[in-house]
Amino acid sequence: MSHTDDVLAGIELTDDEYRVVQSLVRNKYRAYDSTGDVVLKGSQKMFRLKEEFPFVGPDGDPVFTVTAGGILDVAGNYTLTDDVTGEPVVVLDRQWTMLTDKWTLRDPDDESVIARIESGSMLADLLRYATDLFSFIPHSYEITDAGGGHVGSIDGRFSLRDEYTVRIDDASDVPKEAVVAAAMVIDAIEGN
């Protein structure tokens, strides 16, 4: 798969920066472009055997769905499937580590690495995991391509609800839609 092509039939994200905001009540998210328009909405389906995150475009049409690889998938294997074509586009894998959050975006066909998303501060992660007193510290992630080159960042803000700025500085081989979706899914799964 060439990741420079349009990867999703139902949506194309062209900005370099998006604001992702979580609902106050549950794992529902909206992504806004640089003009403040909603470009993507997603929510975690509750009470399912397999975690599921359907995403819709600004008009409410289904765009893609992220589904856990298994029931109670603690390994963190999630597949992003295009709702228009029915084809898997990206697999999002969680790597378990003691002190940092690490995720890998892989090609669903050949399992090659497309990008990595890794928390930016081991100290902040340690404080957040040690006690709820530090749960308010915003999360920060670095996005790199398969070769380790800088792609962008996901930076949390101090807010009553989770809010992130997703910056994509160089996405030549990384689909922006997958990065913005990953920001929402990671937030929901990590319980940020």
C-alpha atoms as a PDB file:
ATOM      1  CA  MET A   1       0.000   0.000   0.000  1.00  0.00           C
ATOM      2  CA  SER A   2       1.307   3.452  -0.823  1.00  0.00           C
ATOM      3  CA  HIS A   3       0.587   5.707   2.121  1.00  0.00           C
ATOM      4  CA  THR A   4       0.861   8.865   0.040  1.00  0.00           C
ATOM      5  CA  ASP A   5      -2.388   7.990  -1.743  1.00  0.00           C
ATOM      6  CA  ASP A   6      -5.774   8.870  -0.291  1.00  0.00           C
ATOM      7  CA  VAL A   7      -6.111   6.111   2.279  1.00  0.00           C
ATOM      8  CA  LEU A   8      -9.779   6.585   3.126  1.00  0.00           C
ATOM      9  CA  ALA A   9     -12.519   6.870   0.517  1.00  0.00           C
ATOM     10  CA  GLY A  10     -14.899   8.838   2.768  1.00  0.00           C
ATOM     11  CA  ILE A  11     -12.643  11.635   4.063  1.00  0.00           C
ATOM     12  CA  GLU A  12      -9.471  13.513   3.303  1.00  0.00           C
ATOM     13  CA  LEU A  13      -7.682  15.564   5.944  1.00  0.00           C
ATOM     14  CA  THR A  14      -5.486  18.248   4.380  1.00  0.00           C
ATOM     15  CA  ASP A  15      -4.513  20.541   7.290  1.00  0.00           C
ATOM     16  CA  ASP A  16      -1.270  20.201   9.227  1.00  0.00           C
ATOM     17  CA  GLU A  17      -2.913  20.786  12.616  1.00  0.00           C
ATOM     18  CA  TYR A  18      -6.104  19.507  14.258  1.00  0.00           C
ATOM     19  CA  ARG A  19      -7.670  20.123  17.644  1.00  0.00           C
ATOM     20  CA  VAL A  20      -9.154  16.989  19.239  1.00  0.00           C
ATOM     21  CA  VAL A  21     -11.641  17.468  22.079  1.00  0.00           C
ATOM     22  CA  GLN A  22     -13.186  14.774  24.273  1.00  0.00           C
ATOM     23  CA  SER A  23     -16.753  15.028  25.557  1.00  0.00           C
ATOM     24  CA  LEU A  24     -17.121  15.653  29.293  1.00  0.00           C
ATOM     25  CA  VAL A  25     -19.253  12.554  29.806  1.00  0.00           C
ATOM     26  CA  ARG A  26     -17.675   9.626  27.944  1.00  0.00           C
ATOM     27  CA  ASN A  27     -15.204   8.672  25.228  1.00  0.00           C
ATOM     28  CA  LYS A  28     -16.700  10.773  22.444  1.00  0.00           C
ATOM     29  CA  TYR A  29     -14.364  12.931  20.381  1.00  0.00           C
ATOM     30  CA  ARG A  30     -14.450  15.669  17.767  1.00  0.00           C
ATOM     31  CA  ALA A  31     -11.580  16.777  15.564  1.00  0.00           C
ATOM     32  CA  TYR A  32     -11.518  20.366  14.309  1.00  0.00           C
ATOM     33  CA  ASP A  33      -9.478  21.757  11.428  1.00  0.00           C
ATOM     34  CA  SER A  34      -7.601  25.073  11.456  1.00  0.00           C
ATOM     35  CA  THR A  35     -10.782  27.023  10.622  1.00  0.00           C
ATOM     36  CA  GLY A  36     -12.659  25.504  13.579  1.00  0.00           C
ATOM     37  CA  ASP A  37     -14.855  23.211  11.481  1.00  0.00           C
ATOM     38  CA  VAL A  38     -15.578  19.678  12.691  1.00  0.00           C
ATOM     39  CA  VAL A  39     -13.887  17.258  10.272  1.00  0.00           C
ATOM     40  CA  LEU A  40     -14.214  13.992  12.185  1.00  0.00           C
ATOM     41  CA  LYS A  41     -16.287  12.613  15.070  1.00  0.00           C
ATOM     42  CA  GLY A  42     -15.698   9.366  16.907  1.00  0.00           C
ATOM     43  CA  SER A  43     -16.910   7.542  19.980  1.00  0.00           C
ATOM     44  CA  GLN A  44     -16.100   4.391  21.866  1.00  0.00           C
ATOM     45  CA  LYS A  45     -19.024   1.978  21.765  1.00  0.00           C
ATOM     46  CA  MET A  46     -19.858   0.895  25.287  1.00  0.00           C
ATOM     47  CA  PHE A  47     -20.741  -2.611  26.503  1.00  0.00           C
ATOM     48  CA  ARG A  48     -19.243  -4.488  23.543  1.00  0.00           C
ATOM     49  CA  LEU A  49     -17.228  -7.693  23.759  1.00  0.00           C
ATOM     50  CA  LYS A  50     -14.693  -6.149  21.378  1.00  0.00           C
ATOM     51  CA  GLU A  51     -13.842  -2.467  21.698  1.00  0.00           C
ATOM     52  CA  GLU A  52     -15.168  -0.489  18.768  1.00  0.00           C
ATOM     53  CA  PHE A  53     -14.738   3.154  17.730  1.00  0.00           C
ATOM     54  CA  PRO A  54     -16.896   4.226  14.772  1.00  0.00           C
ATOM     55  CA  PHE A  55     -15.915   7.526  13.121  1.00  0.00           C
ATOM     56  CA  VAL A  56     -18.123   9.768  10.978  1.00  0.00           C
ATOM     57  CA  GLY A  57     -17.410  12.793   8.852  1.00  0.00           C
ATOM     58  CA  PRO A  58     -18.846  16.262   9.492  1.00  0.00           C
ATOM     59  CA  ASP A  59     -22.093  15.316   7.721  1.00  0.00           C
ATOM     60  CA  GLY A  60     -22.573  12.199   9.881  1.00  0.00           C
ATOM     61  CA  ASP A  61     -21.700   9.679   7.156  1.00  0.00           C
ATOM     62  CA  PRO A  62     -19.622   6.677   8.342  1.00  0.00           C
ATOM     63  CA  VAL A  63     -15.965   7.051   7.391  1.00  0.00           C
ATOM     64  CA  PHE A  64     -14.051   4.335   9.231  1.00  0.00           C
ATOM     65  CA  THR A  65     -14.214   2.091  12.280  1.00  0.00           C
ATOM     66  CA  VAL A  66     -11.442   1.106  14.673  1.00  0.00           C
ATOM     67  CA  THR A  67     -11.998  -2.344  16.188  1.00  0.00           C
ATOM     68  CA  ALA A  68     -10.018  -4.291  18.789  1.00  0.00           C
ATOM     69  CA  GLY A  69      -8.318  -7.428  17.543  1.00  0.00           C
ATOM     70  CA  GLY A  70      -9.907  -9.595  20.208  1.00  0.00           C
ATOM     71  CA  ILE A  71     -12.249  -9.708  23.167  1.00  0.00           C
ATOM     72  CA  LEU A  72     -10.806  -7.653  26.026  1.00  0.00           C
ATOM     73  CA  ASP A  73      -7.745  -6.975  23.889  1.00  0.00           C
ATOM     74  CA  VAL A  74      -5.100  -6.134  26.471  1.00  0.00           C
ATOM     75  CA  ALA A  75      -2.327  -6.410  23.888  1.00  0.00           C
ATOM     76  CA  GLY A  76      -3.707  -3.351  22.144  1.00  0.00           C
ATOM     77  CA  ASN A  77      -4.153  -4.497  18.548  1.00  0.00           C
ATOM     78  CA  TYR A  78      -6.712  -2.276  16.781  1.00  0.00           C
ATOM     79  CA  THR A  79      -7.612  -2.255  13.083  1.00  0.00           C
ATOM     80  CA  LEU A  80      -8.777   0.889  11.276  1.00  0.00           C
ATOM     81  CA  THR A  81     -11.180  -0.228   8.510  1.00  0.00           C
ATOM     82  CA  ASP A  82     -12.507   2.039   5.752  1.00  0.00           C
ATOM     83  CA  ASP A  83     -16.332   2.016   6.037  1.00  0.00           C
ATOM     84  CA  VAL A  84     -16.738   2.880   2.337  1.00  0.00           C
ATOM     85  CA  THR A  85     -14.531   0.111   0.889  1.00  0.00           C
ATOM     86  CA  GLY A  86     -14.581  -2.348   3.800  1.00  0.00           C
ATOM     87  CA  GLU A  87     -10.784  -2.661   3.558  1.00  0.00           C
ATOM     88  CA  PRO A  88      -8.419  -2.509   6.551  1.00  0.00           C
ATOM     89  CA  VAL A  89      -6.179   0.566   6.278  1.00  0.00           C
ATOM     90  CA  VAL A  90      -3.954   0.604   9.372  1.00  0.00           C
ATOM     91  CA  VAL A  91      -3.312  -1.586  12.414  1.00  0.00           C
ATOM     92  CA  LEU A  92      -2.596   0.249  15.672  1.00  0.00           C
ATOM     93  CA  ASP A  93      -0.518  -1.797  18.142  1.00  0.00           C
ATOM     94  CA  ARG A  94       0.156  -0.940  21.762  1.00  0.00           C
ATOM     95  CA  GLN A  95       3.543  -1.935  23.181  1.00  0.00           C
ATOM     96  CA  TRP A  96       3.489  -2.517  26.907  1.00  0.00           C
ATOM     97  CA  THR A  97       6.283  -0.741  28.756  1.00  0.00           C
ATOM     98  CA  MET A  98       6.675   0.201  32.389  1.00  0.00           C
ATOM     99  CA  LEU A  99       7.164   3.924  32.012  1.00  0.00           C
ATOM    100  CA  THR A 100       6.096   5.125  28.575  1.00  0.00           C
ATOM    101  CA  ASP A 101       3.160   4.783  26.218  1.00  0.00           C
ATOM    102  CA  LYS A 102       4.238   3.368  22.847  1.00  0.00           C
ATOM    103  CA  TRP A 103       2.047   2.683  19.816  1.00  0.00           C
ATOM    104  CA  THR A 104       2.903   1.512  16.304  1.00  0.00           C
ATOM    105  CA  LEU A 105       0.865   2.079  13.142  1.00  0.00           C
ATOM    106  CA  ARG A 106       1.391  -0.845  10.751  1.00  0.00           C
ATOM    107  CA  ASP A 107       0.319  -1.729   7.231  1.00  0.00           C
ATOM    108  CA  PRO A 108      -2.454  -4.377   7.525  1.00  0.00           C
ATOM    109  CA  ASP A 109      -1.168  -6.342   4.519  1.00  0.00           C
ATOM    110  CA  ASP A 110       2.565  -6.726   5.080  1.00  0.00           C
ATOM    111  CA  GLU A 111       2.720  -5.544   8.737  1.00  0.00           C
ATOM    112  CA  SER A 112       5.441  -3.013   7.915  1.00  0.00           C
ATOM    113  CA  VAL A 113       5.755  -0.045  10.261  1.00  0.00           C
ATOM    114  CA  ILE A 114       4.106   3.149   8.980  1.00  0.00           C
ATOM    115  CA  ALA A 115       4.632   5.315  12.066  1.00  0.00           C
ATOM    116  CA  ARG A 116       5.264   5.251  15.805  1.00  0.00           C
ATOM    117  CA  ILE A 117       3.568   7.305  18.517  1.00  0.00           C
ATOM    118  CA  GLU A 118       5.469   7.488  21.799  1.00  0.00           C
ATOM    119  CA  SER A 119       4.848   9.513  24.945  1.00  0.00           C
ATOM    120  CA  GLY A 120       7.160  12.469  25.239  1.00  0.00           C
ATOM    121  CA  SER A 121       7.935  12.484  28.952  1.00  0.00           C
ATOM    122  CA  MET A 122       8.848   9.434  30.998  1.00  0.00           C
ATOM    123  CA  LEU A 123       8.725  11.508  34.205  1.00  0.00           C
ATOM    124  CA  ALA A 124       5.205  12.811  33.492  1.00  0.00           C
ATOM    125  CA  ASP A 125       4.023   9.280  32.641  1.00  0.00           C
ATOM    126  CA  LEU A 126       5.539   7.914  35.857  1.00  0.00           C
ATOM    127  CA  LEU A 127       3.833  10.606  37.958  1.00  0.00           C
ATOM    128  CA  ARG A 128       0.455   9.998  36.251  1.00  0.00           C
ATOM    129  CA  TYR A 129       0.670   6.232  36.793  1.00  0.00           C
ATOM    130  CA  ALA A 130       1.959   6.497  40.371  1.00  0.00           C
ATOM    131  CA  THR A 131      -1.027   8.392  41.733  1.00  0.00           C
ATOM    132  CA  ASP A 132      -4.235  10.098  40.618  1.00  0.00           C
ATOM    133  CA  LEU A 133      -2.883  13.359  42.078  1.00  0.00           C
ATOM    134  CA  PHE A 134      -0.971  13.890  38.829  1.00  0.00           C
ATOM    135  CA  SER A 135      -3.644  12.652  36.401  1.00  0.00           C
ATOM    136  CA  PHE A 136      -4.271  16.256  35.339  1.00  0.00           C
ATOM    137  CA  ILE A 137      -0.842  16.501  33.671  1.00  0.00           C
ATOM    138  CA  PRO A 138      -1.518  16.659  29.914  1.00  0.00           C
ATOM    139  CA  HIS A 139      -0.141  13.883  27.749  1.00  0.00           C
ATOM    140  CA  SER A 140       2.391  14.595  25.022  1.00  0.00           C
ATOM    141  CA  TYR A 141       3.415  12.246  22.210  1.00  0.00           C
ATOM    142  CA  GLU A 142       6.045  12.299  19.476  1.00  0.00           C
ATOM    143  CA  ILE A 143       5.067  10.901  16.055  1.00  0.00           C
ATOM    144  CA  THR A 144       7.852   9.400  13.928  1.00  0.00           C
ATOM    145  CA  ASP A 145       7.904   7.550  10.625  1.00  0.00           C
ATOM    146  CA  ALA A 146       9.208   4.011  10.091  1.00  0.00           C
ATOM    147  CA  GLY A 147      12.801   5.272   9.925  1.00  0.00           C
ATOM    148  CA  GLY A 148      12.507   7.332  13.112  1.00  0.00           C
ATOM    149  CA  GLY A 149      12.165  10.673  11.309  1.00  0.00           C
ATOM    150  CA  HIS A 150       9.989  13.364  12.877  1.00  0.00           C
ATOM    151  CA  VAL A 151       6.398  13.425  11.560  1.00  0.00           C
ATOM    152  CA  GLY A 152       4.590  15.469  14.210  1.00  0.00           C
ATOM    153  CA  SER A 153       3.278  15.577  17.751  1.00  0.00           C
ATOM    154  CA  ILE A 154       0.192  15.181  19.895  1.00  0.00           C
ATOM    155  CA  ASP A 155       0.167  17.710  22.728  1.00  0.00           C
ATOM    156  CA  GLY A 156      -2.404  17.775  25.509  1.00  0.00           C
ATOM    157  CA  ARG A 157      -3.724  20.944  27.117  1.00  0.00           C
ATOM    158  CA  PHE A 158      -4.807  21.682  30.666  1.00  0.00           C
ATOM    159  CA  SER A 159      -8.586  21.360  30.467  1.00  0.00           C
ATOM    160  CA  LEU A 160     -11.601  19.854  32.266  1.00  0.00           C
ATOM    161  CA  ARG A 161     -11.902  17.437  29.377  1.00  0.00           C
ATOM    162  CA  ASP A 162      -9.090  15.906  27.358  1.00  0.00           C
ATOM    163  CA  GLU A 163      -7.999  18.229  24.588  1.00  0.00           C
ATOM    164  CA  TYR A 164      -5.099  17.711  22.191  1.00  0.00           C
ATOM    165  CA  THR A 165      -3.420  19.488  19.340  1.00  0.00           C
ATOM    166  CA  VAL A 166      -2.320  17.038  16.659  1.00  0.00           C
ATOM    167  CA  ARG A 167       0.451  18.518  14.494  1.00  0.00           C
ATOM    168  CA  ILE A 168       1.619  16.766  11.371  1.00  0.00           C
ATOM    169  CA  ASP A 169       4.749  18.492  10.116  1.00  0.00           C
ATOM    170  CA  ASP A 170       5.769  15.908   7.508  1.00  0.00           C
ATOM    171  CA  ALA A 171       3.282  13.195   6.623  1.00  0.00           C
ATOM    172  CA  SER A 172       4.741  12.174   3.277  1.00  0.00           C
ATOM    173  CA  ASP A 173       4.363   8.460   4.121  1.00  0.00           C
ATOM    174  CA  VAL A 174       1.965   8.646   7.066  1.00  0.00           C
ATOM    175  CA  PRO A 175      -1.814   8.984   6.552  1.00  0.00           C
ATOM    176  CA  LYS A 176      -3.099  11.999   8.503  1.00  0.00           C
ATOM    177  CA  GLU A 177      -6.481  10.350   9.034  1.00  0.00           C
ATOM    178  CA  ALA A 178      -4.821   7.440  10.828  1.00  0.00           C
ATOM    179  CA  VAL A 179      -2.785   9.782  13.057  1.00  0.00           C
ATOM    180  CA  VAL A 180      -5.838  11.862  14.080  1.00  0.00           C
ATOM    181  CA  ALA A 181      -7.872   8.689  14.706  1.00  0.00           C
ATOM    182  CA  ALA A 182      -4.973   7.208  16.696  1.00  0.00           C
ATOM    183  CA  ALA A 183      -4.912  10.301  18.948  1.00  0.00           C
ATOM    184  CA  MET A 184      -8.578   9.710  19.836  1.00  0.00           C
ATOM    185  CA  VAL A 185      -8.239   5.951  20.275  1.00  0.00           C
ATOM    186  CA  ILE A 186      -5.066   6.229  22.381  1.00  0.00           C
ATOM    187  CA  ASP A 187      -6.760   8.772  24.652  1.00  0.00           C
ATOM    188  CA  ALA A 188      -9.755   6.474  25.172  1.00  0.00           C
ATOM    189  CA  ILE A 189      -7.701   3.308  25.712  1.00  0.00           C
ATOM    190  CA  GLU A 190      -5.068   4.871  27.930  1.00  0.00           C
ATOM    191  CA  GLY A 191      -7.840   6.441  30.004  1.00  0.00           C
ATOM    192  CA  ASN A 192      -6.175   9.809  29.672  1.00  0.00           C
END
